[in-house]
Amino acid sequence: MFIYITYDTEGFITGYQNTEADGYTKVFILDSWITQFAQHSDKFRYDTDKKVVLNPGNLPDLSLEELNNKYSSVLETSQQAVNSATTLAQQQTVSATSINQLQQSITALALSQSAKGTK
């Protein structure tokens, strides 16, 4: 499969796309590398002398399904954190309202006692 890549001074791939564009180099990626490349493109290198992409050969075995499961887990944890933060904010609002009402009651009581004391 042909793709277009950009790479840094050491040959490590910094970006890729399926369409030709300025600054991108056309390279061939073996079909058997596609999944690994999609997951770890920054680990692959481009040999500027041989004009080939080099597979590091020591990439972890992680399927797209596993990657999706990990992403879903992170998303779920993030949603739980948002829900907890929302609940906390709601509780703080209720507490602030209660404190405000208590202050008003104390102020009213103090004014009432003050008025009785001056008579």
C-alpha atoms as a PDB file:
ATOM      1  CA  MET A   1       0.000   0.000   0.000  1.00  0.00           C
ATOM      2  CA  PHE A   2       1.349   3.429  -0.888  1.00  0.00           C
ATOM      3  CA  ILE A   3       1.057   6.274   1.616  1.00  0.00           C
ATOM      4  CA  TYR A   4       2.650   9.673   2.029  1.00  0.00           C
ATOM      5  CA  ILE A   5       4.813  10.437   5.051  1.00  0.00           C
ATOM      6  CA  THR A   6       6.766  13.175   6.733  1.00  0.00           C
ATOM      7  CA  TYR A   7       9.797  12.362   8.854  1.00  0.00           C
ATOM      8  CA  ASP A   8      12.285  14.064  11.151  1.00  0.00           C
ATOM      9  CA  THR A   9      16.061  14.417  10.759  1.00  0.00           C
ATOM     10  CA  GLU A  10      16.604  10.933  12.212  1.00  0.00           C
ATOM     11  CA  GLY A  11      14.102   9.386   9.814  1.00  0.00           C
ATOM     12  CA  PHE A  12      11.335   8.769  12.360  1.00  0.00           C
ATOM     13  CA  ILE A  13       7.916   9.208  10.815  1.00  0.00           C
ATOM     14  CA  THR A  14       6.133  12.300  12.115  1.00  0.00           C
ATOM     15  CA  GLY A  15       2.990  12.187  10.011  1.00  0.00           C
ATOM     16  CA  TYR A  16       1.236  10.285   7.258  1.00  0.00           C
ATOM     17  CA  GLN A  17      -1.772  10.508   5.002  1.00  0.00           C
ATOM     18  CA  ASN A  18      -3.331   8.723   2.049  1.00  0.00           C
ATOM     19  CA  THR A  19      -3.203  11.621  -0.379  1.00  0.00           C
ATOM     20  CA  GLU A  20      -0.269  13.318  -2.017  1.00  0.00           C
ATOM     21  CA  ALA A  21       0.696  16.721  -0.609  1.00  0.00           C
ATOM     22  CA  ASP A  22       3.625  19.100  -0.535  1.00  0.00           C
ATOM     23  CA  GLY A  23       6.294  18.037   1.949  1.00  0.00           C
ATOM     24  CA  TYR A  24       5.149  14.408   1.994  1.00  0.00           C
ATOM     25  CA  THR A  25       7.172  11.512   0.594  1.00  0.00           C
ATOM     26  CA  LYS A  26       5.474   8.601  -1.187  1.00  0.00           C
ATOM     27  CA  VAL A  27       6.422   5.242   0.377  1.00  0.00           C
ATOM     28  CA  PHE A  28       5.263   1.651   0.257  1.00  0.00           C
ATOM     29  CA  ILE A  29       4.027  -0.042   3.441  1.00  0.00           C
ATOM     30  CA  LEU A  30       3.614  -3.814   3.517  1.00  0.00           C
ATOM     31  CA  ASP A  31       0.015  -4.900   4.046  1.00  0.00           C
ATOM     32  CA  SER A  32       1.132  -6.981   7.036  1.00  0.00           C
ATOM     33  CA  TRP A  33       2.443  -3.783   8.694  1.00  0.00           C
ATOM     34  CA  ILE A  34      -0.700  -1.661   8.302  1.00  0.00           C
ATOM     35  CA  THR A  35      -2.182  -2.351  11.760  1.00  0.00           C
ATOM     36  CA  GLN A  36       1.142  -1.830  13.532  1.00  0.00           C
ATOM     37  CA  PHE A  37       1.862   1.280  11.490  1.00  0.00           C
ATOM     38  CA  ALA A  38      -1.551   2.762  12.292  1.00  0.00           C
ATOM     39  CA  GLN A  39      -0.945   2.233  16.014  1.00  0.00           C
ATOM     40  CA  HIS A  40       2.772   3.094  16.230  1.00  0.00           C
ATOM     41  CA  SER A  41       3.686   5.175  13.185  1.00  0.00           C
ATOM     42  CA  ASP A  42       6.146   7.259  15.217  1.00  0.00           C
ATOM     43  CA  LYS A  43       8.229   4.131  15.898  1.00  0.00           C
ATOM     44  CA  PHE A  44       8.806   3.438  12.194  1.00  0.00           C
ATOM     45  CA  ARG A  45      11.738   5.033  10.376  1.00  0.00           C
ATOM     46  CA  TYR A  46      12.321   6.074   6.813  1.00  0.00           C
ATOM     47  CA  ASP A  47      15.728   5.101   5.427  1.00  0.00           C
ATOM     48  CA  THR A  48      16.594   8.020   3.149  1.00  0.00           C
ATOM     49  CA  ASP A  49      19.433   6.080   1.492  1.00  0.00           C
ATOM     50  CA  LYS A  50      17.408   2.981   0.610  1.00  0.00           C
ATOM     51  CA  LYS A  51      14.131   4.918   0.272  1.00  0.00           C
ATOM     52  CA  VAL A  52      12.210   2.381   2.384  1.00  0.00           C
ATOM     53  CA  VAL A  53      10.240   2.379   5.612  1.00  0.00           C
ATOM     54  CA  LEU A  54      11.828   0.318   8.376  1.00  0.00           C
ATOM     55  CA  ASN A  55       9.724  -1.603  10.863  1.00  0.00           C
ATOM     56  CA  PRO A  56      11.336  -1.528  14.336  1.00  0.00           C
ATOM     57  CA  GLY A  57      10.341  -5.174  14.812  1.00  0.00           C
ATOM     58  CA  ASN A  58       9.788  -4.887  18.572  1.00  0.00           C
ATOM     59  CA  LEU A  59       6.330  -3.359  18.724  1.00  0.00           C
ATOM     60  CA  PRO A  60       3.829  -4.617  21.286  1.00  0.00           C
ATOM     61  CA  ASP A  61       1.046  -6.837  20.047  1.00  0.00           C
ATOM     62  CA  LEU A  62      -2.054  -4.727  20.510  1.00  0.00           C
ATOM     63  CA  SER A  63      -5.078  -5.282  18.348  1.00  0.00           C
ATOM     64  CA  LEU A  64      -7.402  -2.493  17.332  1.00  0.00           C
ATOM     65  CA  GLU A  65     -10.065  -4.140  19.482  1.00  0.00           C
ATOM     66  CA  GLU A  66      -7.803  -3.950  22.545  1.00  0.00           C
ATOM     67  CA  LEU A  67      -6.973  -0.358  21.717  1.00  0.00           C
ATOM     68  CA  ASN A  68     -10.679   0.432  21.389  1.00  0.00           C
ATOM     69  CA  ASN A  69     -11.394  -1.275  24.737  1.00  0.00           C
ATOM     70  CA  LYS A  70      -8.685   0.777  26.442  1.00  0.00           C
ATOM     71  CA  TYR A  71     -10.048   3.950  24.873  1.00  0.00           C
ATOM     72  CA  SER A  72     -13.581   3.051  26.029  1.00  0.00           C
ATOM     73  CA  SER A  73     -12.291   2.444  29.548  1.00  0.00           C
ATOM     74  CA  VAL A  74     -10.555   5.823  29.632  1.00  0.00           C
ATOM     75  CA  LEU A  75     -13.692   7.466  28.266  1.00  0.00           C
ATOM     76  CA  GLU A  76     -15.834   5.797  30.945  1.00  0.00           C
ATOM     77  CA  THR A  77     -13.434   6.879  33.706  1.00  0.00           C
ATOM     78  CA  SER A  78     -13.475  10.425  32.367  1.00  0.00           C
ATOM     79  CA  GLN A  79     -17.276  10.422  32.342  1.00  0.00           C
ATOM     80  CA  GLN A  80     -17.314   9.212  35.959  1.00  0.00           C
ATOM     81  CA  ALA A  81     -14.939  12.033  36.915  1.00  0.00           C
ATOM     82  CA  VAL A  82     -17.188  14.583  35.194  1.00  0.00           C
ATOM     83  CA  ASN A  83     -20.241  13.159  36.968  1.00  0.00           C
ATOM     84  CA  SER A  84     -18.453  13.296  40.339  1.00  0.00           C
ATOM     85  CA  ALA A  85     -17.351  16.880  39.738  1.00  0.00           C
ATOM     86  CA  THR A  86     -20.912  17.840  38.775  1.00  0.00           C
ATOM     87  CA  THR A  87     -22.324  16.217  41.928  1.00  0.00           C
ATOM     88  CA  LEU A  88     -19.717  17.970  44.066  1.00  0.00           C
ATOM     89  CA  ALA A  89     -20.529  21.335  42.476  1.00  0.00           C
ATOM     90  CA  GLN A  90     -24.246  20.778  43.115  1.00  0.00           C
ATOM     91  CA  GLN A  91     -23.559  19.877  46.765  1.00  0.00           C
ATOM     92  CA  GLN A  92     -21.410  22.988  47.200  1.00  0.00           C
ATOM     93  CA  THR A  93     -24.211  25.129  45.780  1.00  0.00           C
ATOM     94  CA  VAL A  94     -26.699  23.615  48.241  1.00  0.00           C
ATOM     95  CA  SER A  95     -24.234  24.148  51.104  1.00  0.00           C
ATOM     96  CA  ALA A  96     -23.624  27.770  50.102  1.00  0.00           C
ATOM     97  CA  THR A  97     -27.385  28.388  49.977  1.00  0.00           C
ATOM     98  CA  SER A  98     -27.828  26.817  53.427  1.00  0.00           C
ATOM     99  CA  ILE A  99     -24.987  28.897  54.881  1.00  0.00           C
ATOM    100  CA  ASN A 100     -26.478  32.034  53.366  1.00  0.00           C
ATOM    101  CA  GLN A 101     -29.892  31.238  54.869  1.00  0.00           C
ATOM    102  CA  LEU A 102     -28.272  30.557  58.266  1.00  0.00           C
ATOM    103  CA  GLN A 103     -26.424  33.890  58.132  1.00  0.00           C
ATOM    104  CA  GLN A 104     -29.673  35.691  57.293  1.00  0.00           C
ATOM    105  CA  SER A 105     -31.442  33.977  60.207  1.00  0.00           C
ATOM    106  CA  ILE A 106     -28.651  34.868  62.638  1.00  0.00           C
ATOM    107  CA  THR A 107     -28.648  38.457  61.391  1.00  0.00           C
ATOM    108  CA  ALA A 108     -32.454  38.683  61.773  1.00  0.00           C
ATOM    109  CA  LEU A 109     -32.237  37.181  65.278  1.00  0.00           C
ATOM    110  CA  ALA A 110     -29.441  39.579  66.257  1.00  0.00           C
ATOM    111  CA  LEU A 111     -31.437  42.547  64.968  1.00  0.00           C
ATOM    112  CA  SER A 112     -34.518  41.305  66.824  1.00  0.00           C
ATOM    113  CA  GLN A 113     -32.559  40.910  70.070  1.00  0.00           C
ATOM    114  CA  SER A 114     -30.941  44.293  69.551  1.00  0.00           C
ATOM    115  CA  ALA A 115     -34.339  45.928  69.064  1.00  0.00           C
ATOM    116  CA  LYS A 116     -35.648  44.310  72.267  1.00  0.00           C
ATOM    117  CA  GLY A 117     -32.600  45.440  74.201  1.00  0.00           C
ATOM    118  CA  THR A 118     -33.036  49.095  73.287  1.00  0.00           C
ATOM    119  CA  LYS A 119     -36.641  49.298  74.519  1.00  0.00           C
END
